[in-house]
Protein backbone atom coordinates (compact mmCIF):
# COMPACT_ATOMS: atom_id res chain seq x y z
CA MET A 1 76.88 128.50 119.54
CA THR A 2 79.71 126.08 118.73
CA GLN A 3 79.75 122.86 120.67
CA ARG A 4 83.16 121.55 121.64
CA SER A 5 83.93 117.89 121.57
CA THR A 6 86.24 116.09 123.95
CA VAL A 7 86.71 113.24 121.49
CA LEU A 8 90.22 113.24 120.09
CA PRO A 9 90.80 112.56 116.41
CA LYS A 10 92.18 109.16 115.51
CA SER A 11 95.97 109.17 115.47
CA THR A 12 98.64 106.68 114.56
CA GLU A 13 100.56 104.66 117.12
CA ILE A 14 103.63 104.48 114.89
CA SER A 15 106.66 105.99 116.56
CA GLU A 16 109.20 108.09 114.73
CA ALA A 17 111.79 105.44 115.54
CA ASP A 18 109.69 102.73 113.85
CA PHE A 19 109.12 104.98 110.83
CA LEU A 20 112.83 105.77 110.56
CA ALA A 21 113.74 102.08 110.85
CA ALA A 22 111.28 101.26 108.03
CA GLN A 23 112.73 104.06 105.90
CA ILE A 24 116.26 102.79 106.45
CA ARG A 25 115.29 99.20 105.58
CA GLY A 26 113.81 100.34 102.26
CA LEU A 27 116.78 102.53 101.39
CA SER A 28 119.19 99.75 102.41
CA ARG A 29 117.53 97.38 99.95
CA ALA A 30 117.78 100.05 97.26
CA GLU A 31 121.46 100.52 98.07
CA LYS A 32 122.09 96.77 97.80
CA ALA A 33 120.26 96.68 94.47
CA ALA A 34 121.97 99.68 92.85
CA GLY A 35 125.13 100.27 94.85
CA ALA A 36 125.83 103.27 97.08
CA LYS A 37 127.19 105.61 94.40
CA ALA A 38 124.41 104.87 91.91
CA LEU A 39 121.68 105.25 94.56
CA ALA A 40 123.19 108.52 95.77
CA PHE A 41 123.12 109.77 92.17
CA MET A 42 119.46 108.71 91.82
CA LEU A 43 118.60 110.56 95.03
CA ASP A 44 120.62 113.63 93.96
CA ILE A 45 122.86 113.46 97.04
CA THR A 46 126.46 112.50 97.76
CA PRO A 47 127.42 109.00 98.89
CA LYS A 48 128.40 110.55 102.25
CA GLN A 49 124.89 112.04 102.61
CA LEU A 50 123.44 108.63 101.76
CA GLY A 51 125.59 107.10 104.48
CA ASN A 52 124.29 109.67 106.95
CA ILE A 53 120.69 108.88 106.00
CA LEU A 54 121.31 105.14 106.38
CA ALA A 55 122.81 105.89 109.79
CA GLY A 56 119.60 107.62 110.88
CA ALA A 57 119.70 111.20 109.61
CA SER A 58 116.39 112.57 108.38
CA THR A 59 115.77 113.15 104.70
CA HIS A 60 113.17 114.60 102.38
CA PRO A 61 110.38 112.13 101.47
CA LYS A 62 111.13 112.65 97.76
CA ARG A 63 114.34 110.68 98.19
CA GLN A 64 112.45 107.63 99.40
CA TRP A 65 110.18 107.83 96.35
CA ASP A 66 113.20 108.30 94.08
CA ALA A 67 114.69 105.11 95.56
CA LEU A 68 111.89 103.18 93.81
CA ALA A 69 114.02 103.45 90.66
CA ALA A 70 116.61 101.23 92.35
CA ASP A 71 114.23 98.92 94.22
CA PRO A 72 110.47 98.71 93.63
CA SER A 73 109.99 97.67 97.27
CA ALA A 74 111.76 100.72 98.76
CA LEU A 75 108.52 102.06 100.26
CA ASP A 76 107.01 98.73 101.31
CA ASP A 77 108.22 98.85 104.91
CA ILE A 78 106.73 102.30 105.52
CA ALA A 79 103.46 101.38 103.80
CA ALA A 80 103.22 98.19 105.88
CA LEU A 81 103.47 100.22 109.10
CA TYR A 82 100.24 101.94 108.10
CA GLY A 83 98.56 98.80 106.80
CA ARG A 84 98.91 99.96 103.22
CA ARG A 85 100.64 98.81 100.05
CA ILE A 86 102.17 100.69 97.16
CA VAL A 87 101.08 99.43 93.74
CA ASP A 88 101.85 100.68 90.25
CA LYS A 89 99.38 103.15 88.80
CA GLU A 90 98.82 100.85 85.82
CA ALA A 91 98.39 97.72 87.95
CA VAL A 92 95.42 95.69 86.79
CA CYS A 93 94.62 94.71 90.36
CA ASP A 94 96.34 94.76 93.73
CA VAL A 95 97.51 91.15 93.28
CA ASP A 96 98.31 90.95 89.59
CA ASP A 97 97.43 87.36 88.80
CA ALA A 98 98.48 85.62 92.00
CA SER A 99 98.24 82.20 90.38
CA VAL A 100 100.94 83.16 87.85
CA LEU A 101 103.11 84.50 90.69
CA ILE A 102 102.68 81.26 92.65
CA ALA A 103 103.51 79.23 89.54
CA ARG A 104 106.69 81.28 88.99
CA LEU A 105 107.70 80.78 92.62
CA MET A 106 107.01 77.05 92.41
CA LEU A 107 109.27 76.81 89.36
CA TRP A 108 111.97 78.83 91.16
CA LEU A 109 111.62 76.60 94.24
CA GLN A 110 111.93 73.43 92.14
CA GLU A 111 115.13 74.78 90.56
CA ALA A 112 116.56 76.11 93.83
CA GLU A 113 115.99 72.82 95.69
CA HIS A 114 117.26 70.66 92.84
CA PRO A 115 120.25 68.52 93.95
CA GLU A 116 122.38 70.05 91.17
CA SER A 117 121.61 73.66 92.16
CA PRO A 118 124.32 75.79 93.84
CA GLY A 119 123.17 74.82 97.35
CA GLY A 120 122.03 71.33 96.53
CA ARG A 121 118.75 70.63 98.33
CA SER A 122 119.29 73.76 100.49
CA ILE A 123 118.45 77.21 99.16
CA VAL A 124 121.44 79.54 99.41
CA HIS A 125 121.70 83.33 99.26
CA THR A 126 122.80 83.35 95.63
CA GLU A 127 119.46 81.75 94.79
CA LEU A 128 117.38 83.80 97.24
CA LEU A 129 118.57 87.27 96.28
CA PRO A 130 117.42 87.17 92.64
CA ALA A 131 114.01 85.85 93.79
CA GLU A 132 113.52 88.55 96.44
CA PHE A 133 111.08 90.65 94.40
CA MET A 134 108.86 87.64 93.60
CA ILE A 135 108.95 86.52 97.23
CA ARG A 136 107.98 90.02 98.39
CA GLN A 137 105.10 90.07 95.89
CA LEU A 138 103.80 86.79 97.28
CA HIS A 139 104.27 88.07 100.82
CA ALA A 140 102.20 91.15 99.97
CA ALA A 141 99.51 89.04 98.31
CA THR A 142 99.18 86.61 101.19
CA GLY A 143 99.25 89.50 103.66
CA ASN A 144 96.37 91.08 101.75
CA TRP A 145 94.40 87.82 101.87
CA LEU A 146 95.02 87.45 105.60
CA GLU A 147 93.88 91.04 106.16
CA GLN A 148 90.68 90.31 104.22
CA ILE A 149 90.11 87.22 106.40
CA LYS A 150 90.70 89.28 109.53
CA ARG A 151 88.16 91.92 108.42
CA ALA A 152 85.64 89.22 107.51
CA ARG A 153 85.96 87.62 110.93
CA ALA A 154 85.63 90.99 112.66
CA ALA A 155 82.40 91.79 110.79
């Protein structure tokens, strides 16, 4: 005799609207990195179809993965919703040498805040945009450390 359970399986609390917003953020970064026509070509769609997707139309998940060619962080927003990260298959570890990353960011910060830099002592968008990938890597690393701290405190 089969016993029925009234316990429901664990489900996600992520709404479709939140998922779609995360998808659009990732594709928008890819579009900024490659340009609309180039990204549309990479995704095997027309620029008009890309515009529709960025306006909220649904798309096949393959297109989001294909957007990684334009921007390695194209899936980060979706992964973050689920408390996950996307790392390269050949990655040595999930935070590939964080000390080197921090050193690179410190050097970038020194140069960006130098009085003779484009923004003087202030960091301007022309300095921020090229550093976005490094900043996102550090953000992912520190987020991972904070999650480890949270789990340790919960134990």
